[in-house]
Amino acid sequence: MKAAALAPLCLIFSPALLRAHQLRIDYRPLPEGGIRLEVYYSDGKPASGAEVVARGPDGAEVARGAADLQGVFEFRAPPGLSLEVEARHQGGHRATLAFVAGAPGTESPARGAIPYWGLITGLVAIAALALLVRWGFRRRRAS
């Protein structure tokens, strides 16, 4: 079987496969200027130990630390301050989130739920690869 036959499949499915284990950040304001960040993967698993850096609008570092075992990192910032948060975790995973301190939170509604779009994409990719392999074996027998 020629590698050229697999190239279109790689182009079609690679973006979905890359998002299958994506790092994400949720933000929640806490009383008295506190900010709670939750760093987790798209499957709901917390990114414990993820390095978190929060920067203000001028790029100055406001807070830095590591997420706890539940993927939580808390710090203080004055209300109304524009922040950009970056989280990095093992394997090169990286996520960013921009928000204004004190604004309503960003909790994902389906956190921990099965990512059906990714599941369907994966099943279609497996079926397509199985059909290509079968086609390649049949073609090889015929020649």
N, C-alpha and C. Protein backbone atom coordinates (compact mmCIF):
# COMPACT_ATOMS: atom_id res chain seq x y z
N MET A 1 0.85 -1.18 0.00
CA MET A 1 0.00 0.00 0.00
C MET A 1 0.89 1.24 0.00
N LYS A 2 0.51 2.21 -0.75
CA LYS A 2 1.32 3.42 -0.87
C LYS A 2 1.01 4.40 0.25
N ALA A 3 2.04 5.08 0.67
CA ALA A 3 1.89 6.08 1.74
C ALA A 3 1.00 7.22 1.29
N ALA A 4 0.96 7.47 -0.02
CA ALA A 4 0.13 8.55 -0.55
C ALA A 4 -1.35 8.33 -0.25
N ALA A 5 -1.76 7.08 -0.11
CA ALA A 5 -3.16 6.79 0.20
C ALA A 5 -3.51 7.20 1.63
N LEU A 6 -2.52 7.20 2.52
CA LEU A 6 -2.76 7.58 3.90
C LEU A 6 -2.70 9.08 4.13
N ALA A 7 -2.06 9.81 3.23
CA ALA A 7 -1.88 11.25 3.42
C ALA A 7 -3.19 12.01 3.60
N PRO A 8 -4.23 11.76 2.77
CA PRO A 8 -5.49 12.49 2.99
C PRO A 8 -6.11 12.20 4.36
N LEU A 9 -6.02 10.96 4.81
CA LEU A 9 -6.57 10.63 6.12
C LEU A 9 -5.84 11.36 7.23
N CYS A 10 -4.52 11.44 7.11
CA CYS A 10 -3.74 12.15 8.13
C CYS A 10 -4.14 13.62 8.20
N LEU A 11 -4.36 14.23 7.03
CA LEU A 11 -4.75 15.63 7.00
C LEU A 11 -6.14 15.85 7.59
N ILE A 12 -7.04 14.90 7.35
CA ILE A 12 -8.41 15.04 7.83
C ILE A 12 -8.48 14.86 9.35
N PHE A 13 -7.80 13.85 9.88
CA PHE A 13 -7.98 13.50 11.28
C PHE A 13 -6.95 14.09 12.23
N SER A 14 -5.86 14.64 11.75
CA SER A 14 -4.83 15.12 12.67
C SER A 14 -5.30 16.23 13.60
N PRO A 15 -6.08 17.23 13.17
CA PRO A 15 -6.51 18.25 14.12
C PRO A 15 -7.35 17.68 15.26
N ALA A 16 -8.26 16.77 14.95
CA ALA A 16 -9.11 16.19 15.99
C ALA A 16 -8.29 15.33 16.94
N LEU A 17 -7.32 14.60 16.41
CA LEU A 17 -6.50 13.76 17.25
C LEU A 17 -5.62 14.59 18.18
N LEU A 18 -5.17 15.74 17.70
CA LEU A 18 -4.35 16.61 18.54
C LEU A 18 -5.16 17.21 19.69
N ARG A 19 -6.45 17.46 19.46
CA ARG A 19 -7.30 18.03 20.51
C ARG A 19 -7.81 16.99 21.48
N ALA A 20 -7.58 15.72 21.19
CA ALA A 20 -8.14 14.65 22.02
C ALA A 20 -7.61 14.71 23.45
N HIS A 21 -6.42 15.21 23.67
CA HIS A 21 -5.84 15.29 25.01
C HIS A 21 -5.36 16.71 25.26
N GLN A 22 -6.27 17.64 25.09
CA GLN A 22 -5.95 19.05 25.17
C GLN A 22 -5.98 19.55 26.61
N LEU A 23 -5.03 20.41 26.96
CA LEU A 23 -4.97 21.04 28.28
C LEU A 23 -5.91 22.24 28.28
N ARG A 24 -6.66 22.41 29.36
CA ARG A 24 -7.64 23.50 29.46
C ARG A 24 -7.51 24.19 30.81
N ILE A 25 -8.03 25.42 30.87
CA ILE A 25 -8.02 26.21 32.11
C ILE A 25 -9.43 26.77 32.33
N ASP A 26 -9.94 26.63 33.54
CA ASP A 26 -11.17 27.30 33.95
C ASP A 26 -10.82 28.34 35.02
N TYR A 27 -11.58 29.43 35.05
CA TYR A 27 -11.33 30.54 35.98
C TYR A 27 -12.59 30.79 36.80
N ARG A 28 -12.41 31.04 38.09
CA ARG A 28 -13.51 31.42 38.97
C ARG A 28 -13.04 32.51 39.91
N PRO A 29 -13.81 33.60 40.02
CA PRO A 29 -13.44 34.62 41.01
C PRO A 29 -13.78 34.14 42.42
N LEU A 30 -12.96 34.50 43.36
CA LEU A 30 -13.19 34.18 44.77
C LEU A 30 -13.41 35.49 45.52
N PRO A 31 -13.96 35.44 46.73
CA PRO A 31 -14.16 36.67 47.50
C PRO A 31 -12.84 37.40 47.76
N GLU A 32 -12.93 38.71 47.87
CA GLU A 32 -11.81 39.58 48.23
C GLU A 32 -10.63 39.50 47.25
N GLY A 33 -10.92 39.44 45.98
CA GLY A 33 -9.87 39.51 44.96
C GLY A 33 -9.16 38.21 44.66
N GLY A 34 -9.63 37.13 45.21
CA GLY A 34 -9.00 35.84 44.92
C GLY A 34 -9.41 35.29 43.57
N ILE A 35 -8.54 34.52 42.98
CA ILE A 35 -8.81 33.88 41.70
C ILE A 35 -8.47 32.40 41.83
N ARG A 36 -9.38 31.56 41.36
CA ARG A 36 -9.17 30.11 41.39
C ARG A 36 -9.10 29.61 39.95
N LEU A 37 -7.98 28.98 39.62
CA LEU A 37 -7.80 28.39 38.30
C LEU A 37 -7.83 26.87 38.45
N GLU A 38 -8.47 26.21 37.52
CA GLU A 38 -8.45 24.75 37.47
C GLU A 38 -7.84 24.37 36.13
N VAL A 39 -6.75 23.61 36.20
CA VAL A 39 -6.04 23.18 34.99
C VAL A 39 -6.30 21.68 34.84
N TYR A 40 -6.83 21.29 33.67
CA TYR A 40 -7.22 19.90 33.46
C TYR A 40 -7.16 19.55 31.97
N TYR A 41 -7.25 18.27 31.70
CA TYR A 41 -7.27 17.79 30.31
C TYR A 41 -8.71 17.64 29.84
N SER A 42 -8.89 17.54 28.54
CA SER A 42 -10.23 17.47 27.96
C SER A 42 -11.03 16.27 28.46
N ASP A 43 -10.36 15.23 28.97
CA ASP A 43 -11.08 14.08 29.51
C ASP A 43 -11.45 14.28 30.98
N GLY A 44 -11.15 15.46 31.56
CA GLY A 44 -11.51 15.77 32.93
C GLY A 44 -10.41 15.50 33.94
N LYS A 45 -9.33 14.85 33.53
CA LYS A 45 -8.23 14.52 34.46
C LYS A 45 -7.48 15.80 34.85
N PRO A 46 -7.29 16.04 36.16
CA PRO A 46 -6.57 17.26 36.58
C PRO A 46 -5.10 17.21 36.18
N ALA A 47 -4.56 18.34 35.85
CA ALA A 47 -3.14 18.46 35.48
C ALA A 47 -2.36 18.83 36.73
N SER A 48 -2.22 17.87 37.62
CA SER A 48 -1.53 18.14 38.89
C SER A 48 -0.07 18.46 38.64
N GLY A 49 0.39 19.51 39.29
CA GLY A 49 1.77 19.94 39.14
C GLY A 49 2.02 20.84 37.94
N ALA A 50 0.99 21.19 37.20
CA ALA A 50 1.17 22.07 36.04
C ALA A 50 1.74 23.41 36.48
N GLU A 51 2.69 23.93 35.72
CA GLU A 51 3.26 25.25 36.01
C GLU A 51 2.31 26.32 35.50
N VAL A 52 1.94 27.26 36.37
CA VAL A 52 0.98 28.31 36.03
C VAL A 52 1.65 29.67 36.21
N VAL A 53 1.50 30.53 35.20
CA VAL A 53 2.03 31.90 35.26
C VAL A 53 0.91 32.85 34.84
N ALA A 54 0.64 33.86 35.68
CA ALA A 54 -0.36 34.89 35.37
C ALA A 54 0.38 36.19 35.11
N ARG A 55 0.03 36.86 34.01
CA ARG A 55 0.66 38.13 33.65
C ARG A 55 -0.40 39.20 33.46
N GLY A 56 -0.01 40.43 33.81
CA GLY A 56 -0.89 41.57 33.64
C GLY A 56 -0.82 42.09 32.21
N PRO A 57 -1.52 43.21 31.94
CA PRO A 57 -1.58 43.74 30.57
C PRO A 57 -0.22 44.21 30.04
N ASP A 58 0.69 44.58 30.94
CA ASP A 58 2.01 45.02 30.50
C ASP A 58 3.01 43.86 30.39
N GLY A 59 2.53 42.63 30.64
CA GLY A 59 3.40 41.46 30.57
C GLY A 59 4.11 41.14 31.87
N ALA A 60 3.90 41.99 32.88
CA ALA A 60 4.54 41.76 34.18
C ALA A 60 3.88 40.58 34.89
N GLU A 61 4.69 39.78 35.53
CA GLU A 61 4.21 38.59 36.22
C GLU A 61 3.43 39.00 37.47
N VAL A 62 2.20 38.50 37.59
CA VAL A 62 1.35 38.78 38.74
C VAL A 62 1.42 37.62 39.74
N ALA A 63 1.48 36.40 39.22
CA ALA A 63 1.57 35.22 40.07
C ALA A 63 2.22 34.08 39.31
N ARG A 64 2.87 33.20 40.07
CA ARG A 64 3.51 32.01 39.49
C ARG A 64 3.46 30.91 40.53
N GLY A 65 3.23 29.67 40.04
CA GLY A 65 3.21 28.54 40.96
C GLY A 65 2.84 27.26 40.24
N ALA A 66 2.56 26.25 41.03
CA ALA A 66 2.19 24.95 40.47
C ALA A 66 0.80 24.57 40.96
N ALA A 67 0.04 23.93 40.09
CA ALA A 67 -1.29 23.44 40.45
C ALA A 67 -1.15 22.29 41.44
N ASP A 68 -2.11 22.18 42.35
CA ASP A 68 -2.06 21.09 43.34
C ASP A 68 -2.52 19.77 42.70
N LEU A 69 -2.73 18.76 43.54
CA LEU A 69 -3.11 17.44 43.02
C LEU A 69 -4.44 17.44 42.27
N GLN A 70 -5.31 18.38 42.59
CA GLN A 70 -6.60 18.49 41.88
C GLN A 70 -6.52 19.43 40.68
N GLY A 71 -5.33 19.92 40.38
CA GLY A 71 -5.15 20.84 39.25
C GLY A 71 -5.57 22.26 39.57
N VAL A 72 -5.63 22.62 40.86
CA VAL A 72 -6.10 23.94 41.29
C VAL A 72 -4.92 24.83 41.65
N PHE A 73 -5.00 26.10 41.22
CA PHE A 73 -4.01 27.11 41.58
C PHE A 73 -4.79 28.37 41.94
N GLU A 74 -4.52 28.93 43.12
CA GLU A 74 -5.21 30.15 43.56
C GLU A 74 -4.21 31.27 43.80
N PHE A 75 -4.64 32.50 43.48
CA PHE A 75 -3.82 33.68 43.72
C PHE A 75 -4.72 34.90 43.84
N ARG A 76 -4.14 36.03 44.17
CA ARG A 76 -4.90 37.28 44.30
C ARG A 76 -4.51 38.25 43.21
N ALA A 77 -5.50 39.02 42.76
CA ALA A 77 -5.28 40.07 41.77
C ALA A 77 -6.36 41.13 41.97
N PRO A 78 -6.03 42.40 41.76
CA PRO A 78 -7.03 43.45 41.94
C PRO A 78 -8.15 43.32 40.91
N PRO A 79 -9.40 43.50 41.33
CA PRO A 79 -10.53 43.43 40.39
C PRO A 79 -10.35 44.41 39.24
N GLY A 80 -10.73 44.00 38.05
CA GLY A 80 -10.62 44.84 36.87
C GLY A 80 -9.31 44.70 36.12
N LEU A 81 -8.35 43.98 36.69
CA LEU A 81 -7.06 43.81 36.03
C LEU A 81 -7.17 42.76 34.92
N SER A 82 -6.74 43.11 33.73
CA SER A 82 -6.72 42.15 32.61
C SER A 82 -5.56 41.20 32.82
N LEU A 83 -5.85 39.92 32.76
CA LEU A 83 -4.83 38.90 33.00
C LEU A 83 -4.77 37.92 31.83
N GLU A 84 -3.58 37.42 31.61
CA GLU A 84 -3.41 36.28 30.70
C GLU A 84 -2.67 35.21 31.48
N VAL A 85 -3.29 34.05 31.55
CA VAL A 85 -2.73 32.94 32.31
C VAL A 85 -2.24 31.88 31.33
N GLU A 86 -1.06 31.35 31.62
CA GLU A 86 -0.50 30.26 30.82
C GLU A 86 -0.22 29.09 31.75
N ALA A 87 -0.64 27.91 31.33
CA ALA A 87 -0.37 26.68 32.09
C ALA A 87 0.42 25.74 31.19
N ARG A 88 1.45 25.14 31.75
CA ARG A 88 2.27 24.15 31.03
C ARG A 88 2.33 22.88 31.87
N HIS A 89 2.22 21.76 31.17
CA HIS A 89 2.27 20.48 31.86
C HIS A 89 3.14 19.53 31.05
N GLN A 90 3.46 18.41 31.66
CA GLN A 90 4.38 17.45 31.05
C GLN A 90 3.96 17.07 29.63
N GLY A 91 4.95 16.72 28.83
CA GLY A 91 4.69 16.33 27.46
C GLY A 91 4.48 17.49 26.51
N GLY A 92 4.77 18.71 26.96
CA GLY A 92 4.63 19.87 26.08
C GLY A 92 3.22 20.43 26.00
N HIS A 93 2.31 19.97 26.86
CA HIS A 93 0.95 20.49 26.84
C HIS A 93 0.95 21.92 27.36
N ARG A 94 0.15 22.79 26.70
CA ARG A 94 0.13 24.21 27.04
C ARG A 94 -1.26 24.76 26.80
N ALA A 95 -1.72 25.63 27.68
CA ALA A 95 -3.01 26.29 27.51
C ALA A 95 -2.88 27.73 27.99
N THR A 96 -3.64 28.62 27.38
CA THR A 96 -3.68 30.02 27.81
C THR A 96 -5.14 30.44 27.98
N LEU A 97 -5.35 31.41 28.85
CA LEU A 97 -6.68 31.95 29.08
C LEU A 97 -6.53 33.43 29.43
N ALA A 98 -7.28 34.27 28.74
CA ALA A 98 -7.29 35.71 29.04
C ALA A 98 -8.64 36.05 29.67
N PHE A 99 -8.61 36.85 30.73
CA PHE A 99 -9.84 37.25 31.41
C PHE A 99 -9.56 38.49 32.24
N VAL A 100 -10.62 39.08 32.76
CA VAL A 100 -10.52 40.25 33.64
C VAL A 100 -10.82 39.77 35.05
N ALA A 101 -9.92 40.07 35.98
CA ALA A 101 -10.11 39.66 37.38
C ALA A 101 -11.41 40.22 37.92
N GLY A 102 -12.19 39.36 38.55
CA GLY A 102 -13.47 39.77 39.12
C GLY A 102 -14.64 39.54 38.18
N ALA A 103 -14.38 39.27 36.90
CA ALA A 103 -15.46 39.01 35.94
C ALA A 103 -16.03 37.61 36.20
N PRO A 104 -17.23 37.33 35.69
CA PRO A 104 -17.80 35.99 35.87
C PRO A 104 -16.86 34.90 35.35
N GLY A 105 -16.93 33.73 35.96
CA GLY A 105 -16.03 32.63 35.63
C GLY A 105 -16.27 31.99 34.28
N THR A 106 -15.42 31.01 33.97
CA THR A 106 -15.45 30.36 32.66
C THR A 106 -15.60 28.85 32.74
N GLU A 107 -16.21 28.34 33.80
CA GLU A 107 -16.25 26.90 33.98
C GLU A 107 -16.92 26.22 32.79
N SER A 108 -16.27 25.20 32.26
CA SER A 108 -16.80 24.45 31.13
C SER A 108 -18.02 23.66 31.56
N PRO A 109 -19.10 23.73 30.78
CA PRO A 109 -20.31 23.03 31.18
C PRO A 109 -20.20 21.51 31.12
N ALA A 110 -19.35 20.99 30.25
CA ALA A 110 -19.28 19.54 30.07
C ALA A 110 -17.97 18.96 30.59
N ARG A 111 -17.39 19.58 31.59
CA ARG A 111 -16.11 19.09 32.10
C ARG A 111 -16.25 17.65 32.61
N GLY A 112 -15.35 16.81 32.16
CA GLY A 112 -15.36 15.42 32.59
C GLY A 112 -16.30 14.55 31.77
N ALA A 113 -17.09 15.17 30.90
CA ALA A 113 -18.00 14.38 30.07
C ALA A 113 -17.21 13.75 28.93
N ILE A 114 -17.79 12.75 28.34
CA ILE A 114 -17.14 12.08 27.21
C ILE A 114 -17.16 13.02 26.02
N PRO A 115 -16.02 13.29 25.41
CA PRO A 115 -15.99 14.17 24.23
C PRO A 115 -16.47 13.39 23.01
N TYR A 116 -17.79 13.39 22.77
CA TYR A 116 -18.37 12.56 21.72
C TYR A 116 -17.81 12.86 20.34
N TRP A 117 -17.55 14.13 20.04
CA TRP A 117 -17.01 14.46 18.72
C TRP A 117 -15.65 13.78 18.54
N GLY A 118 -14.81 13.83 19.55
CA GLY A 118 -13.50 13.17 19.47
C GLY A 118 -13.63 11.66 19.39
N LEU A 119 -14.60 11.10 20.12
CA LEU A 119 -14.83 9.66 20.09
C LEU A 119 -15.28 9.20 18.70
N ILE A 120 -16.22 9.93 18.12
CA ILE A 120 -16.71 9.58 16.78
C ILE A 120 -15.59 9.72 15.75
N THR A 121 -14.81 10.79 15.85
CA THR A 121 -13.70 10.99 14.92
C THR A 121 -12.69 9.85 15.02
N GLY A 122 -12.39 9.44 16.24
CA GLY A 122 -11.45 8.33 16.42
C GLY A 122 -11.96 7.04 15.83
N LEU A 123 -13.24 6.74 16.04
CA LEU A 123 -13.82 5.51 15.49
C LEU A 123 -13.83 5.54 13.96
N VAL A 124 -14.14 6.68 13.38
CA VAL A 124 -14.11 6.80 11.92
C VAL A 124 -12.69 6.62 11.40
N ALA A 125 -11.70 7.19 12.11
CA ALA A 125 -10.31 7.04 11.68
C ALA A 125 -9.88 5.57 11.74
N ILE A 126 -10.26 4.85 12.78
CA ILE A 126 -9.92 3.43 12.89
C ILE A 126 -10.57 2.63 11.78
N ALA A 127 -11.85 2.90 11.51
CA ALA A 127 -12.55 2.18 10.44
C ALA A 127 -11.92 2.46 9.09
N ALA A 128 -11.57 3.72 8.82
CA ALA A 128 -10.95 4.07 7.54
C ALA A 128 -9.60 3.39 7.38
N LEU A 129 -8.81 3.38 8.43
CA LEU A 129 -7.51 2.71 8.35
C LEU A 129 -7.67 1.20 8.14
N ALA A 130 -8.66 0.59 8.80
CA ALA A 130 -8.91 -0.84 8.62
C ALA A 130 -9.31 -1.14 7.18
N LEU A 131 -10.15 -0.29 6.61
CA LEU A 131 -10.54 -0.49 5.20
C LEU A 131 -9.36 -0.32 4.26
N LEU A 132 -8.49 0.63 4.54
CA LEU A 132 -7.31 0.82 3.70
C LEU A 132 -6.37 -0.38 3.77
N VAL A 133 -6.18 -0.92 4.95
CA VAL A 133 -5.33 -2.09 5.11
C VAL A 133 -5.93 -3.28 4.37
N ARG A 134 -7.24 -3.46 4.51
CA ARG A 134 -7.91 -4.56 3.81
C ARG A 134 -7.77 -4.39 2.30
N TRP A 135 -7.98 -3.19 1.82
CA TRP A 135 -7.84 -2.91 0.39
C TRP A 135 -6.42 -3.22 -0.07
N GLY A 136 -5.41 -2.86 0.75
CA GLY A 136 -4.02 -3.11 0.40
C GLY A 136 -3.72 -4.59 0.32
N PHE A 137 -4.24 -5.38 1.27
CA PHE A 137 -4.02 -6.84 1.23
C PHE A 137 -4.69 -7.47 0.02
N ARG A 138 -5.89 -7.05 -0.31
CA ARG A 138 -6.59 -7.59 -1.49
C ARG A 138 -5.84 -7.25 -2.77
N ARG A 139 -5.34 -6.08 -2.83
CA ARG A 139 -4.61 -5.64 -4.02
C ARG A 139 -3.30 -6.43 -4.15
N ARG A 140 -2.68 -6.71 -3.03
CA ARG A 140 -1.43 -7.47 -3.03
C ARG A 140 -1.65 -8.91 -3.49
N ARG A 141 -2.76 -9.52 -3.03
CA ARG A 141 -3.11 -10.88 -3.46
C ARG A 141 -3.38 -10.96 -4.94
N ALA A 142 -4.06 -9.94 -5.46
CA ALA A 142 -4.46 -9.92 -6.88
C ALA A 142 -3.25 -9.81 -7.80
N SER A 143 -2.16 -9.26 -7.32
CA SER A 143 -1.00 -9.08 -8.21
C SER A 143 -0.01 -10.21 -8.13
